[in-house]
Amino acid sequence: MKFLLPGMAVLLLIAGCEFNNSSKNEVQPPFKFRELKLHQNNINGQKLWDLFSPRASYRIDQRTAAIENPSGSLYRNGYATYNISASSGVVLNDGEQIELLNNVKLITLDQRKIIITTDRAIWHPSKNTIDLVGNPKATDPTRLLRSGKARFHVQSELLELRNSPSLQQWRRRLSPTQLPELDLLVESVNWYLISGKLLASGPVSSLQRPNQNQKRFLDAASLEGNTKDQWLDFYPPVILRDPSKNMVLKAGLSRWWIKDARISSGMNAEAKIGKLTISGSNLELQDQNHLIRIGSDCELKQPGEQLTANSCRWNWQTGDIYASGDVLLMRSQLNQITRASQMRGKTGKDGIVSFSSPGEQVQTRLQFPRGVPSDKAKSTAIQF
């Protein structure tokens, strides 16, 4: 039996059918088949997809077939790229629409190891689309995406996720027993499975876990990334909050390098850590080294002091600060100005950094108030 549909031909192969004689006025019982096969080719004769069911029943008056345990393949350029399966299904209007029900799975046949699951899939072969309804999920070895509904474009392998999609990201391997390094909520997601490109419209709200006992919150306007190259770009305004360090960081376009656990931004950024403010450009936040690094135009401010340098870094675990390149330290007390090629600091319990430059040649200028006796000025001690 052949079903002729606009722009395609679907072939149905049947083995061992059963039916009963009935009058024209009686409801026609369904034909039962022990085997059903469907497939579609393009105009060049290359296979687009095929579907097999070991048992099926067909109602000729309704042009529908109920199928059990359907399974098959999706093809690109004549090669199978996905396995598709379900517990049951319905073929409507002789193949114009195929509904797959319960335990629906789409599994890539290459190294990507992507698995798409849903409770119900509505497949329109003429449109090359599969609508995923009822808890759709997509996973690969390091991430899990969920949404209220989704659509899969078969030929382009574009997965559209809508209705409050979420992304969970692990650095090494997706694990149900380990919390992800990133929990992210967005407005919508387009995932191009061939190239790995990921586009998400915002606002973006995310929870980061540099380790299993630490929580950090990152908000952004929108998101772009690549799942093959393992990075995510957060578009400004980007705000990162770390309650455990009393830190708020504001930055421009920022990239999270997933495997390296590193955030970088070439734009101007400002981090407030307690009473200390660090600002500049070419920011790097390195979780594995516990560092915030400012690569250019570094400026540090705290009550009564301001330091500028070509670059600087702060270790939030030890409290150490290192500044290098044309370092200028200005203290409001006595209008003190100190210059050095490099300078170090240590964050105290009160959140104030004490700076010093051991072994370095420094230049210091002091301005004393008028009326201070010269002999007292000569005996004044200077500490850095």
Protein backbone atom coordinates (compact mmCIF):
# COMPACT_ATOMS: atom_id res chain seq x y z
CA MET A 1 0.00 0.00 0.00
CA LYS A 2 1.30 3.49 -0.83
CA PHE A 3 0.35 6.79 0.78
CA LEU A 4 0.74 9.71 -1.62
CA LEU A 5 1.36 12.97 0.20
CA PRO A 6 2.34 16.45 -1.02
CA GLY A 7 6.01 16.44 -1.95
CA MET A 8 6.78 12.89 -0.81
CA ALA A 9 5.84 9.23 -1.03
CA VAL A 10 5.65 7.03 2.05
CA LEU A 11 5.73 3.25 1.58
CA LEU A 12 3.85 0.97 3.98
CA LEU A 13 4.86 -2.71 3.97
CA ILE A 14 2.48 -5.17 5.64
CA ALA A 15 2.90 -8.81 6.53
CA GLY A 16 0.08 -11.00 7.85
CA CYS A 17 -3.06 -8.89 8.14
CA GLU A 18 -6.26 -9.93 9.93
CA PHE A 19 -9.77 -8.61 9.32
CA ASN A 20 -13.42 -9.64 9.65
CA ASN A 21 -16.28 -9.36 7.16
CA SER A 22 -18.92 -6.82 8.19
CA SER A 23 -21.82 -5.00 6.61
CA LYS A 24 -21.49 -1.46 5.27
CA ASN A 25 -23.57 -0.07 8.14
CA GLU A 26 -21.36 -1.57 10.84
CA VAL A 27 -18.31 0.15 12.27
CA GLN A 28 -15.35 -1.19 10.39
CA PRO A 29 -12.95 -3.02 12.72
CA PRO A 30 -9.28 -2.10 12.38
CA PHE A 31 -6.96 -4.16 10.20
CA LYS A 32 -4.22 -5.70 12.33
CA PHE A 33 -0.72 -6.08 10.98
CA ARG A 34 2.25 -7.97 12.37
CA GLU A 35 4.67 -5.55 10.77
CA LEU A 36 4.63 -1.96 9.54
CA LYS A 37 7.39 0.01 7.80
CA LEU A 38 7.36 3.62 6.69
CA HIS A 39 10.03 5.67 4.99
CA GLN A 40 10.47 8.88 3.03
CA ASN A 41 13.04 9.77 0.35
CA ASN A 42 13.96 13.15 -1.06
CA ILE A 43 13.70 14.06 -4.76
CA ASN A 44 17.19 12.60 -5.33
CA GLY A 45 16.18 9.26 -3.89
CA GLN A 46 18.15 9.67 -0.65
CA LYS A 47 16.40 8.39 2.45
CA LEU A 48 15.19 11.09 4.87
CA TRP A 49 13.78 8.82 7.55
CA ASP A 50 12.32 5.39 8.22
CA LEU A 51 10.11 3.96 10.95
CA PHE A 52 9.33 0.35 11.89
CA SER A 53 6.67 -1.13 14.16
CA PRO A 54 6.36 -4.86 14.96
CA ARG A 55 2.58 -4.55 15.48
CA ALA A 56 0.00 -2.13 14.16
CA SER A 57 -3.74 -1.72 13.59
CA TYR A 58 -5.18 0.39 10.77
CA ARG A 59 -8.60 2.01 10.48
CA ILE A 60 -9.30 2.53 6.83
CA ASP A 61 -12.29 4.85 7.48
CA GLN A 62 -10.15 7.18 9.63
CA ARG A 63 -6.89 6.71 7.70
CA THR A 64 -5.03 6.20 10.98
CA ALA A 65 -2.75 3.46 12.25
CA ALA A 66 -1.96 2.70 15.88
CA ILE A 67 1.60 1.42 16.22
CA GLU A 68 3.50 -0.32 19.01
CA ASN A 69 7.15 0.11 19.95
CA PRO A 70 8.02 2.18 16.87
CA SER A 71 11.71 2.70 16.09
CA GLY A 72 13.66 4.06 13.16
CA SER A 73 16.30 6.48 11.92
CA LEU A 74 16.65 10.07 10.72
CA TYR A 75 19.05 10.70 7.84
CA ARG A 76 21.19 13.62 6.63
CA ASN A 77 22.78 13.46 3.17
CA GLY A 78 21.79 9.82 2.96
CA TYR A 79 23.46 8.80 6.25
CA ALA A 80 21.67 7.85 9.44
CA THR A 81 22.29 10.50 12.12
CA TYR A 82 19.66 9.74 14.80
CA ASN A 83 17.83 6.75 16.19
CA ILE A 84 14.21 7.50 17.11
CA SER A 85 11.98 5.32 19.30
CA ALA A 86 8.88 5.33 21.53
CA SER A 87 6.55 2.97 23.39
CA SER A 88 3.61 3.59 21.07
CA GLY A 89 2.31 5.96 18.43
CA VAL A 90 -0.35 6.94 15.91
CA VAL A 91 0.09 7.54 12.17
CA LEU A 92 -2.54 10.10 11.05
CA ASN A 93 -3.91 10.74 7.56
CA ASP A 94 -1.82 7.99 6.01
CA GLY A 95 1.47 9.50 7.17
CA GLU A 96 0.84 13.26 7.09
CA GLN A 97 1.45 13.34 10.84
CA ILE A 98 3.03 10.84 13.21
CA GLU A 99 2.51 11.04 16.96
CA LEU A 100 4.97 9.17 19.17
CA LEU A 101 3.92 8.52 22.77
CA ASN A 102 5.71 7.61 26.01
CA ASN A 103 9.47 7.24 26.37
CA VAL A 104 10.17 9.10 23.15
CA LYS A 105 13.90 9.22 22.40
CA LEU A 106 16.14 10.78 19.75
CA ILE A 107 19.76 9.64 20.03
CA THR A 108 22.66 10.84 17.87
CA LEU A 109 24.75 8.16 16.17
CA ASP A 110 28.06 10.04 16.36
CA GLN A 111 30.53 11.24 18.99
CA ARG A 112 28.23 14.05 20.19
CA LYS A 113 26.24 11.58 22.34
CA ILE A 114 23.17 13.85 22.41
CA ILE A 115 19.93 12.34 23.72
CA ILE A 116 16.56 14.13 23.35
CA THR A 117 13.61 12.76 25.33
CA THR A 118 9.97 13.75 25.75
CA ASP A 119 6.60 12.28 26.75
CA ARG A 120 4.98 13.03 23.39
CA ALA A 121 6.29 13.99 19.96
CA ILE A 122 4.23 15.35 17.06
CA TRP A 123 6.11 14.70 13.82
CA HIS A 124 5.23 16.49 10.56
CA PRO A 125 7.31 14.77 7.85
CA SER A 126 6.38 17.30 5.13
CA LYS A 127 7.65 20.16 7.35
CA ASN A 128 10.68 18.26 8.69
CA THR A 129 9.73 19.23 12.25
CA ILE A 130 9.10 17.29 15.46
CA ASP A 131 7.26 19.11 18.26
CA LEU A 132 8.26 17.84 21.70
CA VAL A 133 5.43 18.13 24.21
CA GLY A 134 5.58 17.06 27.84
CA ASN A 135 8.84 17.45 29.74
CA PRO A 136 11.29 17.66 26.81
CA LYS A 137 14.96 17.24 27.74
CA ALA A 138 18.24 17.27 25.84
CA THR A 139 21.50 15.92 27.27
CA ASP A 140 25.07 15.41 26.16
CA PRO A 141 28.02 14.23 28.29
CA THR A 142 28.31 17.51 30.25
CA ARG A 143 24.95 19.33 30.14
CA LEU A 144 21.19 19.01 30.54
CA LEU A 145 18.60 21.32 28.95
CA ARG A 146 14.91 21.31 29.90
CA SER A 147 11.90 23.34 28.80
CA GLY A 148 8.10 23.41 28.80
CA LYS A 149 8.00 22.65 25.07
CA ALA A 150 10.48 22.29 22.22
CA ARG A 151 10.72 21.85 18.46
CA PHE A 152 13.34 19.84 16.57
CA HIS A 153 14.08 20.77 12.95
CA VAL A 154 15.15 17.46 11.44
CA GLN A 155 17.31 18.55 8.50
CA SER A 156 19.07 21.53 10.12
CA GLU A 157 19.25 19.80 13.54
CA LEU A 158 18.09 22.95 15.29
CA LEU A 159 16.51 22.41 18.71
CA GLU A 160 14.26 25.26 19.85
CA LEU A 161 13.39 25.30 23.56
CA ARG A 162 10.57 27.50 24.85
CA ASN A 163 8.51 27.99 28.02
CA SER A 164 11.10 28.70 30.73
CA PRO A 165 14.06 26.65 29.47
CA SER A 166 16.90 25.85 31.85
CA LEU A 167 20.50 24.72 31.39
CA GLN A 168 22.57 22.69 33.83
CA GLN A 169 26.29 22.47 33.09
CA TRP A 170 28.95 20.17 34.54
CA ARG A 171 32.67 20.77 33.93
CA ARG A 172 33.68 17.15 33.41
CA ARG A 173 30.68 14.82 33.20
CA LEU A 174 26.94 15.02 33.81
CA SER A 175 26.28 13.31 37.13
CA PRO A 176 22.93 12.79 38.88
CA THR A 177 24.75 12.54 42.23
CA GLN A 178 26.77 15.77 41.88
CA LEU A 179 25.43 19.31 41.70
CA PRO A 180 26.17 21.07 38.39
CA GLU A 181 28.68 23.93 38.20
CA LEU A 182 25.99 26.06 36.53
CA ASP A 183 22.20 26.30 36.86
CA LEU A 184 20.85 28.77 34.33
CA LEU A 185 17.37 30.13 33.48
CA VAL A 186 16.58 32.08 30.28
CA GLU A 187 13.62 33.17 28.15
CA SER A 188 14.30 30.91 25.13
CA VAL A 189 17.11 28.77 23.67
CA ASN A 190 18.15 27.82 20.14
CA TRP A 191 20.71 25.01 20.07
CA TYR A 192 22.28 24.23 16.69
CA LEU A 193 23.37 20.65 17.27
CA ILE A 194 25.65 20.37 14.21
CA SER A 195 27.85 23.39 14.96
CA GLY A 196 27.26 23.47 18.74
CA LYS A 197 26.12 27.10 18.64
CA LEU A 198 23.85 28.06 21.52
CA LEU A 199 21.73 31.25 21.58
CA ALA A 200 19.60 32.26 24.56
CA SER A 201 17.45 35.36 24.97
CA GLY A 202 17.31 36.91 28.41
CA PRO A 203 17.13 38.01 31.00
CA VAL A 204 19.68 35.40 32.11
CA SER A 205 19.65 34.30 35.74
CA SER A 206 22.20 31.73 36.87
CA LEU A 207 23.61 30.02 39.94
CA GLN A 208 27.27 29.04 39.72
CA ARG A 209 29.03 26.54 41.96
CA PRO A 210 32.82 26.94 41.78
CA ASN A 211 32.81 24.05 44.27
CA GLN A 212 30.05 22.00 45.84
CA ASN A 213 29.94 24.19 48.97
CA GLN A 214 30.03 27.60 47.26
CA LYS A 215 27.25 29.53 45.53
CA ARG A 216 27.71 32.48 43.19
CA PHE A 217 25.00 34.31 41.25
CA LEU A 218 25.46 35.70 37.73
CA ASP A 219 22.88 37.78 35.86
CA ALA A 220 23.13 39.01 32.26
CA ALA A 221 21.01 40.40 29.44
CA SER A 222 21.43 37.41 27.08
CA LEU A 223 23.68 34.47 26.33
CA GLU A 224 25.60 32.95 23.43
CA GLY A 225 27.90 29.95 23.48
CA ASN A 226 29.28 26.90 21.76
CA THR A 227 28.85 23.47 23.27
CA LYS A 228 31.64 21.96 21.14
CA ASP A 229 34.22 24.59 22.07
CA GLN A 230 32.97 24.68 25.68
CA TRP A 231 32.36 28.39 26.32
CA LEU A 232 29.46 30.68 27.17
CA ASP A 233 29.32 34.44 26.52
CA PHE A 234 27.25 36.58 28.92
CA TYR A 235 26.11 39.89 27.43
CA PRO A 236 26.04 43.10 29.52
CA PRO A 237 25.04 44.25 31.91
CA VAL A 238 26.79 41.36 33.68
CA ILE A 239 26.54 41.26 37.48
CA LEU A 240 28.23 38.54 39.55
CA ARG A 241 27.49 38.26 43.28
CA ASP A 242 29.39 36.06 45.73
CA PRO A 243 27.87 36.32 49.23
CA SER A 244 30.61 34.20 50.81
CA LYS A 245 33.23 36.83 49.86
CA ASN A 246 30.95 39.84 50.21
CA MET A 247 31.81 40.48 46.55
CA VAL A 248 29.85 42.14 43.73
CA LEU A 249 31.44 42.26 40.27
CA LYS A 250 30.08 44.33 37.37
CA ALA A 251 31.46 43.71 33.88
CA GLY A 252 30.82 44.00 30.16
CA LEU A 253 30.75 41.08 27.74
CA SER A 254 32.16 38.13 29.74
CA ARG A 255 33.11 34.62 28.64
CA TRP A 256 32.95 31.58 30.88
CA TRP A 257 35.47 28.93 29.81
CA ILE A 258 33.71 25.82 31.05
CA LYS A 259 36.57 23.31 31.31
CA ASP A 260 39.02 25.87 32.73
CA ALA A 261 36.51 27.22 35.30
CA ARG A 262 37.56 30.70 34.21
CA ILE A 263 35.67 33.92 33.40
CA SER A 264 37.35 36.53 31.17
CA SER A 265 36.30 39.96 29.93
CA GLY A 266 38.17 42.48 27.80
CA MET A 267 35.80 45.25 28.82
CA ASN A 268 35.99 47.50 31.87
CA ALA A 269 35.03 45.76 35.08
CA GLU A 270 34.66 46.65 38.74
CA ALA A 271 34.68 44.32 41.73
CA LYS A 272 33.75 45.37 45.26
CA ILE A 273 35.04 43.04 47.95
CA GLY A 274 34.07 44.34 51.34
CA LYS A 275 35.78 47.74 51.73
CA LEU A 276 38.02 47.18 48.68
CA THR A 277 37.14 48.18 45.11
CA ILE A 278 39.17 46.76 42.18
CA SER A 279 38.56 48.08 38.66
CA GLY A 280 40.19 47.98 35.23
CA SER A 281 40.03 46.03 31.98
CA ASN A 282 41.09 42.58 30.74
CA LEU A 283 39.53 40.86 33.73
CA GLU A 284 40.09 37.19 34.56
CA LEU A 285 38.39 35.32 37.37
CA GLN A 286 40.20 32.00 37.90
CA ASP A 287 38.34 29.66 40.22
CA GLN A 288 41.04 26.98 40.31
CA ASN A 289 43.69 29.51 41.38
CA HIS A 290 41.30 31.58 43.55
CA LEU A 291 42.32 34.71 41.64
CA ILE A 292 40.81 37.88 40.26
CA ARG A 293 43.25 39.40 37.79
CA ILE A 294 43.07 42.84 36.14
CA GLY A 295 45.38 42.86 33.13
CA SER A 296 45.24 46.58 32.25
CA ASP A 297 44.64 49.91 33.99
CA CYS A 298 44.27 48.43 37.43
CA GLU A 299 42.88 50.68 40.17
CA LEU A 300 42.36 49.68 43.82
CA LYS A 301 40.45 51.84 46.26
CA GLN A 302 39.83 51.52 49.98
CA PRO A 303 39.15 54.05 52.75
CA GLY A 304 42.02 56.55 52.79
CA GLU A 305 44.03 54.89 50.00
CA GLN A 306 44.08 54.51 46.24
CA LEU A 307 46.50 52.45 44.14
CA THR A 308 46.96 52.40 40.37
CA ALA A 309 49.12 49.98 38.36
CA ASN A 310 49.46 48.42 34.95
CA SER A 311 48.09 45.14 36.30
CA CYS A 312 47.11 43.53 39.58
CA ARG A 313 45.71 40.35 41.06
CA TRP A 314 43.88 39.40 44.24
CA ASN A 315 43.82 35.94 45.80
CA TRP A 316 40.53 35.68 47.68
CA GLN A 317 41.66 32.55 49.53
CA THR A 318 44.84 34.02 51.05
CA GLY A 319 43.91 37.72 50.85
CA ASP A 320 47.16 38.50 49.00
CA ILE A 321 47.26 41.35 46.47
CA TYR A 322 50.04 41.93 43.93
CA ALA A 323 50.32 45.05 41.73
CA SER A 324 52.97 45.58 39.06
CA GLY A 325 54.01 48.17 36.48
CA ASP A 326 54.13 51.90 37.33
CA VAL A 327 52.58 51.38 40.74
CA LEU A 328 51.30 54.55 42.38
CA LEU A 329 49.95 54.43 45.95
CA MET A 330 48.21 57.56 47.25
CA ARG A 331 47.23 57.97 50.89
CA SER A 332 45.02 60.80 52.08
CA GLN A 333 47.00 61.07 55.31
CA LEU A 334 49.74 63.67 54.73
CA ASN A 335 48.93 63.46 51.00
CA GLN A 336 51.44 60.63 50.80
CA ILE A 337 52.41 59.43 47.31
CA THR A 338 54.56 56.30 46.85
CA ARG A 339 55.89 55.03 43.52
CA ALA A 340 57.34 51.57 42.82
CA SER A 341 57.64 49.00 40.06
CA GLN A 342 55.64 46.50 42.10
CA MET A 343 53.84 46.37 45.41
CA ARG A 344 52.22 43.70 47.55
CA GLY A 345 49.33 43.81 49.95
CA LYS A 346 47.57 41.64 52.50
CA THR A 347 43.88 41.78 53.35
CA GLY A 348 43.27 41.97 57.07
CA LYS A 349 40.33 40.70 59.08
CA ASP A 350 38.77 44.15 58.87
CA GLY A 351 38.83 43.98 55.06
CA ILE A 352 41.53 46.66 54.78
CA VAL A 353 44.64 45.92 52.68
CA SER A 354 48.08 46.78 54.04
CA PHE A 355 50.53 47.52 51.20
CA SER A 356 54.31 47.10 51.18
CA SER A 357 57.15 46.83 48.68
CA PRO A 358 59.88 44.65 50.28
CA GLY A 359 63.20 44.76 48.49
CA GLU A 360 61.97 47.42 46.08
CA GLN A 361 63.33 50.91 45.50
CA VAL A 362 60.49 53.31 46.18
CA GLN A 363 59.91 57.02 45.97
CA THR A 364 57.70 58.61 48.60
CA ARG A 365 56.50 62.18 48.88
CA LEU A 366 54.82 63.59 51.95
CA GLN A 367 53.09 66.94 52.45
CA PHE A 368 53.00 68.06 56.06
CA PRO A 369 50.52 70.64 57.35
CA ARG A 370 51.87 74.16 57.79
CA GLY A 371 53.14 74.97 61.25
CA VAL A 372 54.66 71.52 61.93
CA PRO A 373 58.17 72.02 63.47
CA SER A 374 60.97 70.87 61.22
CA ASP A 375 62.60 68.75 63.95
CA LYS A 376 59.29 66.88 64.44
CA ALA A 377 58.95 66.38 60.71
CA LYS A 378 62.43 64.87 60.54
CA SER A 379 61.57 62.36 63.24
CA THR A 380 58.28 61.25 61.67
CA ALA A 381 58.31 57.52 60.79
CA ILE A 382 56.98 56.43 57.40
CA GLN A 383 55.51 52.93 56.91
CA PHE A 384 54.17 51.27 53.80
